[in-house]
N, C-alpha and C. Protein backbone atom coordinates (compact mmCIF):
# COMPACT_ATOMS: atom_id res chain seq x y z
N MET A 1 -187.78 1.84 -75.01
CA MET A 1 -188.33 0.56 -75.11
C MET A 1 -189.31 0.31 -76.13
N ARG A 2 -190.75 0.54 -75.66
CA ARG A 2 -191.70 0.32 -76.72
C ARG A 2 -192.50 1.53 -76.94
N LYS A 3 -191.82 2.69 -76.79
CA LYS A 3 -192.43 4.05 -76.83
C LYS A 3 -193.21 4.17 -78.17
N GLN A 4 -192.75 3.56 -79.28
CA GLN A 4 -193.47 3.74 -80.56
C GLN A 4 -194.85 3.03 -80.48
N LEU A 5 -195.07 2.09 -79.64
CA LEU A 5 -196.23 1.29 -79.46
C LEU A 5 -197.41 2.36 -78.99
N PHE A 6 -197.00 3.23 -78.14
CA PHE A 6 -198.04 4.18 -77.58
C PHE A 6 -198.25 5.47 -78.53
N HIS A 7 -197.53 5.58 -79.55
CA HIS A 7 -197.74 6.71 -80.41
C HIS A 7 -198.12 6.26 -81.88
N ARG A 8 -198.44 4.95 -81.95
CA ARG A 8 -198.81 4.39 -83.33
C ARG A 8 -200.20 4.97 -83.66
N LEU A 9 -200.18 5.47 -84.94
CA LEU A 9 -201.62 6.10 -85.35
C LEU A 9 -202.11 5.16 -86.49
N ILE A 10 -203.35 4.92 -86.38
CA ILE A 10 -204.04 4.11 -87.40
C ILE A 10 -205.19 4.96 -87.97
N PRO A 11 -205.16 5.35 -89.21
CA PRO A 11 -206.03 6.27 -89.75
C PRO A 11 -207.53 5.77 -89.60
N ARG A 12 -208.42 6.62 -89.20
CA ARG A 12 -209.79 6.30 -89.24
C ARG A 12 -210.58 7.57 -89.74
N PRO A 13 -211.71 7.45 -90.31
CA PRO A 13 -212.36 8.66 -90.86
C PRO A 13 -213.03 9.56 -89.80
N ALA A 14 -213.40 9.12 -88.62
CA ALA A 14 -214.11 9.89 -87.58
C ALA A 14 -213.15 10.72 -86.82
N GLY A 15 -213.45 12.03 -86.50
CA GLY A 15 -212.67 12.82 -85.71
C GLY A 15 -212.49 12.37 -84.35
N GLY A 16 -211.34 12.34 -83.78
CA GLY A 16 -210.98 11.90 -82.47
C GLY A 16 -210.73 10.37 -82.33
N ALA A 17 -210.62 9.76 -83.53
CA ALA A 17 -210.40 8.27 -83.50
C ALA A 17 -209.05 7.86 -83.06
N TYR A 18 -208.11 8.69 -83.09
CA TYR A 18 -206.79 8.42 -82.62
C TYR A 18 -206.81 8.31 -81.01
N GLN A 19 -207.78 9.05 -80.43
CA GLN A 19 -207.82 9.06 -79.02
C GLN A 19 -207.91 7.66 -78.30
N GLY A 20 -208.73 6.81 -78.94
CA GLY A 20 -208.91 5.49 -78.50
C GLY A 20 -207.62 4.68 -78.44
N TYR A 21 -206.84 4.83 -79.43
CA TYR A 21 -205.54 4.11 -79.41
C TYR A 21 -204.65 4.64 -78.41
N HIS A 22 -204.64 5.92 -78.22
CA HIS A 22 -203.77 6.56 -77.32
C HIS A 22 -204.13 6.24 -75.83
N LEU A 23 -205.58 6.12 -75.53
CA LEU A 23 -205.98 5.78 -74.27
C LEU A 23 -205.66 4.42 -73.90
N SER A 24 -205.78 3.43 -74.84
CA SER A 24 -205.54 1.96 -74.58
C SER A 24 -203.98 1.87 -74.39
N GLY A 25 -203.05 2.66 -75.00
CA GLY A 25 -201.77 2.68 -74.81
C GLY A 25 -201.38 3.18 -73.34
N PHE A 26 -202.11 4.24 -73.04
CA PHE A 26 -201.91 4.84 -71.69
C PHE A 26 -202.31 3.81 -70.64
N ILE A 27 -203.46 3.23 -70.73
CA ILE A 27 -203.87 2.25 -69.67
C ILE A 27 -202.87 1.13 -69.66
N GLU A 28 -202.49 0.53 -70.71
CA GLU A 28 -201.45 -0.50 -70.74
C GLU A 28 -200.12 0.02 -70.02
N ALA A 29 -199.71 1.28 -70.33
CA ALA A 29 -198.42 1.74 -69.68
C ALA A 29 -198.75 1.86 -68.16
N SER A 30 -199.84 2.29 -67.78
CA SER A 30 -200.26 2.53 -66.33
C SER A 30 -200.28 1.16 -65.64
N ALA A 31 -200.76 0.18 -66.26
CA ALA A 31 -200.80 -1.19 -65.62
C ALA A 31 -199.41 -1.78 -65.45
N VAL A 32 -198.55 -1.63 -66.51
CA VAL A 32 -197.14 -2.04 -66.41
C VAL A 32 -196.43 -1.34 -65.31
N ILE A 33 -196.55 -0.05 -65.27
CA ILE A 33 -195.85 0.68 -64.22
C ILE A 33 -196.32 0.35 -62.78
N ARG A 34 -197.66 0.05 -62.65
CA ARG A 34 -198.21 -0.24 -61.44
C ARG A 34 -197.67 -1.62 -60.93
N ASN A 35 -197.44 -2.37 -61.95
CA ASN A 35 -196.87 -3.79 -61.58
C ASN A 35 -195.34 -3.86 -61.55
N GLY A 36 -194.66 -2.67 -61.48
CA GLY A 36 -193.26 -2.63 -61.18
C GLY A 36 -192.32 -3.00 -62.44
N SER A 37 -192.78 -2.96 -63.60
CA SER A 37 -191.99 -3.32 -64.77
C SER A 37 -191.64 -2.02 -65.65
N ALA A 38 -191.40 -0.87 -64.99
CA ALA A 38 -191.34 0.38 -65.72
C ALA A 38 -189.98 0.74 -66.11
N SER A 39 -189.79 1.04 -67.31
CA SER A 39 -188.60 1.69 -67.80
C SER A 39 -188.82 3.23 -67.85
N PRO A 40 -187.76 3.99 -67.80
CA PRO A 40 -187.91 5.49 -68.01
C PRO A 40 -188.70 5.84 -69.23
N GLU A 41 -188.52 5.18 -70.34
CA GLU A 41 -189.08 5.47 -71.64
C GLU A 41 -190.57 5.19 -71.57
N LEU A 42 -191.08 4.19 -70.75
CA LEU A 42 -192.35 3.85 -70.62
C LEU A 42 -193.10 4.87 -69.80
N GLN A 43 -192.31 5.31 -68.74
CA GLN A 43 -192.96 6.39 -67.90
C GLN A 43 -193.16 7.63 -68.64
N GLU A 44 -192.11 7.99 -69.57
CA GLU A 44 -192.16 9.22 -70.31
C GLU A 44 -193.28 9.18 -71.40
N ALA A 45 -193.50 7.99 -71.96
CA ALA A 45 -194.63 7.84 -72.93
C ALA A 45 -195.83 7.99 -72.20
N ARG A 46 -196.06 7.51 -71.07
CA ARG A 46 -197.34 7.64 -70.21
C ARG A 46 -197.53 9.07 -69.95
N LEU A 47 -196.55 9.79 -69.39
CA LEU A 47 -196.73 11.12 -69.15
C LEU A 47 -197.07 12.02 -70.24
N SER A 48 -196.40 11.65 -71.37
CA SER A 48 -196.67 12.42 -72.64
C SER A 48 -198.12 12.33 -73.11
N LEU A 49 -198.67 11.12 -73.08
CA LEU A 49 -200.06 10.90 -73.50
C LEU A 49 -200.91 11.69 -72.50
N LYS A 50 -200.69 11.56 -71.29
CA LYS A 50 -201.57 12.20 -70.25
C LYS A 50 -201.58 13.75 -70.53
N LYS A 51 -200.36 14.29 -70.70
CA LYS A 51 -200.30 15.74 -71.00
C LYS A 51 -200.95 16.19 -72.34
N GLN A 52 -200.81 15.34 -73.25
CA GLN A 52 -201.45 15.66 -74.68
C GLN A 52 -203.03 15.84 -74.55
N TYR A 53 -203.63 14.89 -73.64
CA TYR A 53 -205.10 14.88 -73.61
C TYR A 53 -205.62 15.52 -72.29
N GLU A 54 -204.80 16.27 -71.58
CA GLU A 54 -205.33 16.80 -70.19
C GLU A 54 -206.45 17.77 -70.40
N LYS A 55 -206.52 18.30 -71.59
CA LYS A 55 -207.68 19.43 -71.70
C LYS A 55 -208.45 19.16 -72.96
N THR A 56 -208.55 17.91 -73.28
CA THR A 56 -209.31 17.38 -74.45
C THR A 56 -210.66 16.95 -74.07
N SER A 57 -211.69 17.41 -74.73
CA SER A 57 -212.96 16.98 -74.54
C SER A 57 -213.64 16.46 -76.01
N ILE A 58 -214.07 15.38 -76.06
CA ILE A 58 -214.67 14.77 -77.28
C ILE A 58 -216.07 14.35 -76.99
N ALA A 59 -217.05 14.86 -77.80
CA ALA A 59 -218.43 14.37 -77.65
C ALA A 59 -218.84 14.58 -76.08
N GLY A 60 -218.40 15.60 -75.50
CA GLY A 60 -218.79 15.92 -74.21
C GLY A 60 -218.09 15.16 -73.06
N ILE A 61 -217.17 14.35 -73.39
CA ILE A 61 -216.35 13.42 -72.54
C ILE A 61 -215.14 14.16 -72.28
N ASN A 62 -214.67 14.43 -71.11
CA ASN A 62 -213.46 15.14 -70.57
C ASN A 62 -212.41 14.00 -70.38
N PHE A 63 -211.57 13.93 -71.45
CA PHE A 63 -210.51 12.82 -71.40
C PHE A 63 -209.44 13.18 -70.37
N GLY A 64 -209.34 14.50 -70.07
CA GLY A 64 -208.28 14.77 -69.05
C GLY A 64 -208.73 14.21 -67.65
N GLU A 65 -209.93 14.12 -67.29
CA GLU A 65 -210.37 13.49 -66.13
C GLU A 65 -210.24 11.93 -66.21
N ILE A 66 -210.35 11.48 -67.29
CA ILE A 66 -210.17 9.92 -67.50
C ILE A 66 -208.75 9.55 -67.19
N TYR A 67 -207.86 10.41 -67.91
CA TYR A 67 -206.39 10.18 -67.67
C TYR A 67 -206.01 10.42 -66.19
N ALA A 68 -206.55 11.49 -65.51
CA ALA A 68 -206.25 11.71 -64.16
C ALA A 68 -206.65 10.55 -63.27
N ASP A 69 -207.75 9.85 -63.66
CA ASP A 69 -208.10 8.74 -62.67
C ASP A 69 -207.11 7.60 -62.64
N PHE A 70 -206.08 7.57 -63.42
CA PHE A 70 -205.09 6.55 -63.44
C PHE A 70 -203.89 7.00 -62.60
N ASP A 71 -203.96 8.17 -61.95
CA ASP A 71 -202.80 8.60 -61.06
C ASP A 71 -202.82 7.82 -59.68
């Protein structure tokens, strides 16, 4: 479906800048799934993003915990 939306990367100079784009895609996917409009591709994209950042910490922020809050 729109899997490429959740993996789009926009170059930024600061380290960890891609995380914001992935987190927003993850939140969007979570909302769509929660509202019952989920395709298997969307669910796969959401799971892939969650797994990618489950052990990531940036500036002392544990992104794994943030992603886990959407379960």
